Amino acid sequence: MRRFLFLGLLWLGWFSAVAQDRRITGRVITAEDNSTLPGVTVVLKGTTRGTTTDADGNYALSVPASGGTLQFSSV
């Protein structure tokens, strides 16, 4: 019984550690005239997590609570 309790607690701890993402939102604009940029790729550096900006330049992305670096690219 103790073994199952320990394994259950261990699993819950792992699950909650994995599930601690936060949602980052923003808008990509130009430096010249502050107009929005649609179609910009936003990726969490070193991962495959990414998205593109919508028609208004907005994006939303889930990232780990520990942080990271966002990379922006556009053609």
N, C-alpha and C. Protein backbone atom coordinates (compact mmCIF):
# COMPACT_ATOMS: atom_id res chain seq x y z
N MET A 1 0.82 -1.19 0.00
CA MET A 1 0.00 0.00 0.00
C MET A 1 0.86 1.26 0.00
N ARG A 2 1.92 1.24 0.79
CA ARG A 2 2.82 2.40 0.82
C ARG A 2 3.46 2.66 -0.54
N ARG A 3 3.79 1.58 -1.23
CA ARG A 3 4.42 1.71 -2.54
C ARG A 3 3.48 2.41 -3.52
N PHE A 4 2.20 2.01 -3.51
CA PHE A 4 1.23 2.63 -4.41
C PHE A 4 1.01 4.10 -4.05
N LEU A 5 0.97 4.40 -2.77
CA LEU A 5 0.81 5.79 -2.34
C LEU A 5 2.00 6.63 -2.79
N PHE A 6 3.21 6.09 -2.61
CA PHE A 6 4.41 6.81 -3.03
C PHE A 6 4.43 7.02 -4.53
N LEU A 7 4.09 5.96 -5.30
CA LEU A 7 4.08 6.09 -6.76
C LEU A 7 3.01 7.07 -7.22
N GLY A 8 1.87 7.07 -6.54
CA GLY A 8 0.81 8.02 -6.88
C GLY A 8 1.24 9.45 -6.63
N LEU A 9 1.88 9.70 -5.51
CA LEU A 9 2.37 11.05 -5.20
C LEU A 9 3.48 11.46 -6.16
N LEU A 10 4.35 10.54 -6.50
CA LEU A 10 5.42 10.83 -7.46
C LEU A 10 4.83 11.20 -8.82
N TRP A 11 3.82 10.45 -9.27
CA TRP A 11 3.18 10.73 -10.55
C TRP A 11 2.49 12.09 -10.52
N LEU A 12 1.80 12.41 -9.45
CA LEU A 12 1.14 13.72 -9.34
C LEU A 12 2.15 14.85 -9.36
N GLY A 13 3.28 14.68 -8.69
CA GLY A 13 4.32 15.70 -8.70
C GLY A 13 4.89 15.91 -10.08
N TRP A 14 5.13 14.81 -10.81
CA TRP A 14 5.65 14.92 -12.16
C TRP A 14 4.64 15.61 -13.07
N PHE A 15 3.37 15.20 -12.96
CA PHE A 15 2.33 15.76 -13.81
C PHE A 15 2.19 17.26 -13.58
N SER A 16 2.19 17.69 -12.33
CA SER A 16 2.04 19.12 -12.07
C SER A 16 3.27 19.90 -12.51
N ALA A 17 4.45 19.29 -12.46
CA ALA A 17 5.65 19.97 -12.93
C ALA A 17 5.62 20.14 -14.45
N VAL A 18 5.12 19.14 -15.15
CA VAL A 18 5.04 19.20 -16.61
C VAL A 18 3.96 20.19 -17.04
N ALA A 19 2.89 20.28 -16.29
CA ALA A 19 1.75 21.09 -16.70
C ALA A 19 1.88 22.57 -16.33
N GLN A 20 3.04 23.01 -15.91
CA GLN A 20 3.18 24.39 -15.48
C GLN A 20 3.66 25.27 -16.62
N ASP A 21 2.83 25.39 -17.61
CA ASP A 21 3.08 26.31 -18.72
C ASP A 21 2.33 27.61 -18.46
N ARG A 22 2.79 28.65 -19.11
CA ARG A 22 2.06 29.91 -19.06
C ARG A 22 1.84 30.39 -20.49
N ARG A 23 0.80 31.15 -20.67
CA ARG A 23 0.43 31.63 -22.00
C ARG A 23 0.98 33.04 -22.20
N ILE A 24 1.74 33.20 -23.26
CA ILE A 24 2.32 34.49 -23.63
C ILE A 24 1.54 35.03 -24.82
N THR A 25 1.15 36.28 -24.74
CA THR A 25 0.46 36.91 -25.86
C THR A 25 1.17 38.22 -26.20
N GLY A 26 1.00 38.66 -27.42
CA GLY A 26 1.62 39.92 -27.82
C GLY A 26 1.19 40.33 -29.21
N ARG A 27 1.75 41.42 -29.65
CA ARG A 27 1.47 41.95 -30.99
C ARG A 27 2.80 42.37 -31.61
N VAL A 28 3.01 42.00 -32.85
CA VAL A 28 4.23 42.35 -33.57
C VAL A 28 3.91 43.57 -34.44
N ILE A 29 4.73 44.63 -34.27
CA ILE A 29 4.54 45.87 -35.02
C ILE A 29 5.87 46.30 -35.64
N THR A 30 5.79 47.18 -36.63
CA THR A 30 6.99 47.71 -37.26
C THR A 30 7.56 48.84 -36.41
N ALA A 31 8.86 49.06 -36.53
CA ALA A 31 9.53 50.14 -35.79
C ALA A 31 9.27 51.49 -36.45
N GLU A 32 9.03 51.49 -37.77
CA GLU A 32 8.89 52.74 -38.49
C GLU A 32 7.58 53.46 -38.18
N ASP A 33 6.45 52.75 -38.34
CA ASP A 33 5.16 53.42 -38.20
C ASP A 33 4.17 52.69 -37.29
N ASN A 34 4.66 51.71 -36.53
CA ASN A 34 3.84 50.94 -35.59
C ASN A 34 2.67 50.21 -36.24
N SER A 35 2.78 49.89 -37.52
CA SER A 35 1.74 49.09 -38.16
C SER A 35 1.96 47.62 -37.81
N THR A 36 0.88 46.85 -37.78
CA THR A 36 0.97 45.45 -37.37
C THR A 36 1.53 44.59 -38.49
N LEU A 37 2.14 43.46 -38.11
CA LEU A 37 2.75 42.55 -39.08
C LEU A 37 2.07 41.18 -39.02
N PRO A 38 1.25 40.85 -39.99
CA PRO A 38 0.65 39.52 -40.04
C PRO A 38 1.63 38.49 -40.61
N GLY A 39 1.48 37.23 -40.22
CA GLY A 39 2.28 36.15 -40.80
C GLY A 39 3.69 36.00 -40.25
N VAL A 40 4.02 36.67 -39.16
CA VAL A 40 5.34 36.53 -38.55
C VAL A 40 5.36 35.22 -37.75
N THR A 41 6.43 34.43 -37.90
CA THR A 41 6.57 33.19 -37.16
C THR A 41 7.18 33.48 -35.80
N VAL A 42 6.56 32.94 -34.74
CA VAL A 42 7.04 33.10 -33.37
C VAL A 42 7.31 31.69 -32.83
N VAL A 43 8.57 31.42 -32.45
CA VAL A 43 8.96 30.09 -32.00
C VAL A 43 9.71 30.21 -30.68
N LEU A 44 9.46 29.26 -29.76
CA LEU A 44 10.24 29.16 -28.54
C LEU A 44 11.56 28.52 -28.90
N LYS A 45 12.64 29.26 -28.74
CA LYS A 45 13.98 28.83 -29.17
C LYS A 45 14.33 27.46 -28.61
N GLY A 46 14.83 26.59 -29.48
CA GLY A 46 15.26 25.26 -29.09
C GLY A 46 14.15 24.24 -28.99
N THR A 47 12.93 24.62 -29.40
CA THR A 47 11.79 23.69 -29.34
C THR A 47 11.05 23.73 -30.67
N THR A 48 9.99 22.94 -30.74
CA THR A 48 9.12 22.97 -31.91
C THR A 48 7.83 23.73 -31.61
N ARG A 49 7.76 24.36 -30.45
CA ARG A 49 6.58 25.16 -30.09
C ARG A 49 6.62 26.47 -30.85
N GLY A 50 5.54 26.75 -31.57
CA GLY A 50 5.51 27.98 -32.32
C GLY A 50 4.12 28.32 -32.82
N THR A 51 4.01 29.50 -33.38
CA THR A 51 2.76 29.99 -33.94
C THR A 51 3.08 31.09 -34.95
N THR A 52 2.06 31.59 -35.59
CA THR A 52 2.22 32.75 -36.48
C THR A 52 1.25 33.84 -36.05
N THR A 53 1.60 35.06 -36.37
CA THR A 53 0.72 36.18 -36.01
C THR A 53 -0.49 36.19 -36.94
N ASP A 54 -1.61 36.66 -36.39
CA ASP A 54 -2.84 36.73 -37.19
C ASP A 54 -2.83 38.00 -38.04
N ALA A 55 -3.96 38.31 -38.65
CA ALA A 55 -4.06 39.46 -39.54
C ALA A 55 -3.80 40.79 -38.84
N ASP A 56 -3.98 40.83 -37.53
CA ASP A 56 -3.73 42.05 -36.74
C ASP A 56 -2.38 42.03 -36.04
N GLY A 57 -1.52 41.05 -36.35
CA GLY A 57 -0.20 40.97 -35.75
C GLY A 57 -0.18 40.34 -34.37
N ASN A 58 -1.30 39.79 -33.91
CA ASN A 58 -1.38 39.19 -32.57
C ASN A 58 -0.92 37.74 -32.58
N TYR A 59 -0.34 37.30 -31.47
CA TYR A 59 0.05 35.90 -31.30
C TYR A 59 -0.20 35.48 -29.86
N ALA A 60 -0.31 34.16 -29.65
CA ALA A 60 -0.44 33.57 -28.33
C ALA A 60 0.31 32.25 -28.37
N LEU A 61 1.10 31.98 -27.32
CA LEU A 61 1.95 30.80 -27.29
C LEU A 61 2.12 30.32 -25.86
N SER A 62 2.04 29.02 -25.64
CA SER A 62 2.28 28.45 -24.32
C SER A 62 3.77 28.16 -24.18
N VAL A 63 4.37 28.64 -23.09
CA VAL A 63 5.79 28.44 -22.82
C VAL A 63 5.95 27.90 -21.40
N PRO A 64 7.07 27.23 -21.11
CA PRO A 64 7.28 26.74 -19.75
C PRO A 64 7.36 27.88 -18.75
N ALA A 65 6.94 27.63 -17.53
CA ALA A 65 6.99 28.65 -16.49
C ALA A 65 8.43 29.08 -16.22
N SER A 66 9.39 28.22 -16.52
CA SER A 66 10.80 28.56 -16.29
C SER A 66 11.32 29.59 -17.28
N GLY A 67 10.55 29.87 -18.32
CA GLY A 67 10.94 30.90 -19.27
C GLY A 67 11.53 30.34 -20.54
N GLY A 68 12.15 31.21 -21.30
CA GLY A 68 12.74 30.84 -22.57
C GLY A 68 12.91 32.07 -23.43
N THR A 69 13.34 31.86 -24.64
CA THR A 69 13.57 32.96 -25.57
C THR A 69 12.69 32.77 -26.80
N LEU A 70 11.96 33.82 -27.16
CA LEU A 70 11.14 33.77 -28.35
C LEU A 70 11.94 34.27 -29.54
N GLN A 71 11.80 33.59 -30.67
CA GLN A 71 12.44 34.00 -31.92
C GLN A 71 11.34 34.41 -32.89
N PHE A 72 11.51 35.56 -33.51
CA PHE A 72 10.56 36.08 -34.48
C PHE A 72 11.23 36.10 -35.84
N SER A 73 10.51 35.63 -36.86
CA SER A 73 11.06 35.67 -38.22
C SER A 73 9.94 35.95 -39.21
N SER A 74 10.33 36.62 -40.29
CA SER A 74 9.39 36.97 -41.33
C SER A 74 10.11 37.00 -42.67
N VAL A 75 9.38 36.67 -43.71
CA VAL A 75 9.96 36.68 -45.05
C VAL A 75 9.86 38.06 -45.64
